[in-house]
Amino acid sequence: MILKEGHDMTSIRNARATRLLVGLILGSVAAGALAHHGWSGYDAGKPLNLTGRIEASGYEHPHGFVRLQTPEKTWNVVLAPPYRMENRGLPRELLAPGNEVTVYGYPHRSIADEMRAERITVGNKTVELR
């Protein structure tokens, strides 16, 4: 390699390492943005009010979820982030499999068994999720 005046191999390696690090950081930020879906994929013009039993649930980031068995089919219901559910009075224990719940929300435009919940009712407790 031919070095220009004022440049040595150490400074070239440092510059390359810096460019690589910046590229990795930007790539991970972009990947995180892609992993978190937007709400435009849900059709607010077709609200659903579904009642059923929880088959499974998750209280994890970026959003909690329940698999809701209704008489017609099983739905994947996207909930709020855990910190919001906890702050609004919906602890993990209320989302236990077997519990009957009612969710109000919007169906996904292209995933036939997915909906985004705006509110959930467990027993006599209703929690606004958005």
Protein backbone atom coordinates (compact mmCIF):
# COMPACT_ATOMS: atom_id res chain seq x y z
CA MET A 1 0.00 0.00 0.00
CA ILE A 2 1.30 3.47 -0.86
CA LEU A 3 0.84 5.93 1.99
CA LYS A 4 0.30 9.63 1.40
CA GLU A 5 2.36 12.06 3.38
CA GLY A 6 1.08 12.41 6.96
CA HIS A 7 -0.70 9.02 6.99
CA ASP A 8 0.54 5.90 8.68
CA MET A 9 -0.93 2.40 8.89
CA THR A 10 -2.28 2.96 12.41
CA SER A 11 -4.36 5.98 11.41
CA ILE A 12 -5.67 4.13 8.34
CA ARG A 13 -6.70 1.16 10.50
CA ASN A 14 -8.35 3.49 13.01
CA ALA A 15 -10.30 5.23 10.25
CA ARG A 16 -11.47 1.88 8.85
CA ALA A 17 -12.47 0.65 12.31
CA THR A 18 -14.43 3.86 12.91
CA ARG A 19 -16.27 3.52 9.58
CA LEU A 20 -17.07 -0.12 10.37
CA LEU A 21 -18.35 0.76 13.85
CA VAL A 22 -20.55 3.57 12.50
CA GLY A 23 -21.90 1.22 9.82
CA LEU A 24 -22.74 -1.44 12.41
CA ILE A 25 -24.51 1.07 14.64
CA LEU A 26 -26.54 2.50 11.76
CA GLY A 27 -27.40 -1.01 10.57
CA SER A 28 -28.63 -2.10 13.99
CA VAL A 29 -30.78 1.03 14.34
CA ALA A 30 -32.32 0.38 10.91
CA ALA A 31 -32.96 -3.28 11.77
CA GLY A 32 -34.69 -2.27 15.01
CA ALA A 33 -36.90 0.18 13.16
CA LEU A 34 -37.90 -2.52 10.68
CA ALA A 35 -38.58 -5.04 13.42
CA HIS A 36 -41.05 -2.73 15.11
CA HIS A 37 -44.06 -2.62 12.85
CA GLY A 38 -46.21 0.46 12.36
CA TRP A 39 -49.93 0.60 13.02
CA SER A 40 -50.87 1.45 9.43
CA GLY A 41 -51.16 -2.29 8.71
CA TYR A 42 -54.34 -2.43 10.82
CA ASP A 43 -57.74 -1.36 9.48
CA ALA A 44 -59.31 1.11 11.94
CA GLY A 45 -62.37 1.23 9.67
CA LYS A 46 -63.30 -2.35 10.62
CA PRO A 47 -63.34 -2.50 14.43
CA LEU A 48 -63.73 -5.89 16.09
CA ASN A 49 -65.09 -6.77 19.52
CA LEU A 50 -64.04 -10.36 20.27
CA THR A 51 -64.64 -12.53 23.32
CA GLY A 52 -62.85 -15.78 23.96
CA ARG A 53 -60.39 -17.73 26.08
CA ILE A 54 -56.67 -17.05 26.21
CA GLU A 55 -54.70 -20.02 24.82
CA ALA A 56 -51.29 -18.41 25.32
CA SER A 57 -49.91 -15.01 26.23
CA GLY A 58 -46.69 -13.06 26.25
CA TYR A 59 -45.73 -10.07 28.34
CA GLU A 60 -42.65 -9.03 26.41
CA HIS A 61 -41.20 -6.20 24.36
CA PRO A 62 -42.00 -4.56 22.08
CA HIS A 63 -45.63 -5.62 22.64
CA GLY A 64 -47.49 -8.15 24.71
CA PHE A 65 -49.84 -10.57 23.00
CA VAL A 66 -52.56 -13.12 23.57
CA ARG A 67 -53.69 -16.01 21.40
CA LEU A 68 -57.44 -15.72 21.72
CA GLN A 69 -59.70 -18.68 20.96
CA THR A 70 -63.10 -17.40 19.82
CA PRO A 71 -65.97 -19.53 18.53
CA GLU A 72 -65.02 -18.61 14.95
CA LYS A 73 -61.20 -18.90 15.02
CA THR A 74 -58.03 -18.26 16.98
CA TRP A 75 -56.65 -14.71 16.86
CA ASN A 76 -53.17 -13.35 17.52
CA VAL A 77 -53.93 -10.17 19.45
CA VAL A 78 -51.18 -7.55 19.69
CA LEU A 79 -51.33 -5.68 22.99
CA ALA A 80 -49.46 -2.68 24.40
CA PRO A 81 -45.87 -2.75 25.69
CA PRO A 82 -45.55 -4.40 29.13
CA TYR A 83 -44.71 -1.15 30.96
CA ARG A 84 -47.93 0.46 29.68
CA MET A 85 -50.05 -2.57 30.56
CA GLU A 86 -48.56 -2.66 34.06
CA ASN A 87 -49.03 1.10 34.56
CA ARG A 88 -52.66 0.89 33.48
CA GLY A 89 -53.49 -2.02 35.76
CA LEU A 90 -53.09 -5.08 33.54
CA PRO A 91 -50.49 -7.29 35.24
CA ARG A 92 -49.17 -10.44 33.62
CA GLU A 93 -51.34 -12.64 35.88
CA LEU A 94 -54.57 -11.37 34.28
CA LEU A 95 -53.40 -12.69 30.91
CA ALA A 96 -53.13 -16.28 32.13
CA PRO A 97 -54.16 -19.06 29.72
CA GLY A 98 -57.75 -20.10 30.36
CA ASN A 99 -58.96 -16.62 31.32
CA GLU A 100 -61.89 -15.27 29.34
CA VAL A 101 -61.33 -11.81 27.88
CA THR A 102 -62.97 -9.38 25.49
CA VAL A 103 -60.76 -7.31 23.20
CA TYR A 104 -61.72 -4.34 21.07
CA GLY A 105 -59.42 -3.45 18.23
CA TYR A 106 -58.64 -3.57 14.55
CA PRO A 107 -57.84 -6.43 12.18
CA HIS A 108 -54.58 -6.58 10.27
CA ARG A 109 -55.01 -5.69 6.60
CA SER A 110 -53.05 -8.68 5.29
CA ILE A 111 -52.71 -11.18 8.18
CA ALA A 112 -56.14 -12.78 8.53
CA ASP A 113 -55.78 -13.92 12.16
CA GLU A 114 -54.09 -10.86 13.68
CA MET A 115 -55.57 -7.82 15.36
CA ARG A 116 -54.29 -4.85 17.36
CA ALA A 117 -56.16 -4.34 20.63
CA GLU A 118 -57.22 -0.89 21.75
CA ARG A 119 -58.72 -2.18 25.00
CA ILE A 120 -59.07 -5.44 26.85
CA THR A 121 -61.57 -6.54 29.47
CA VAL A 122 -60.67 -9.31 31.92
CA GLY A 123 -63.43 -10.14 34.39
CA ASN A 124 -64.92 -6.79 35.37
CA LYS A 125 -61.72 -4.82 34.65
CA THR A 126 -61.33 -2.89 31.37
CA VAL A 127 -57.91 -1.49 30.44
CA GLU A 128 -57.27 1.04 27.66
CA LEU A 129 -54.09 -0.03 25.87
CA ARG A 130 -53.42 2.91 23.54
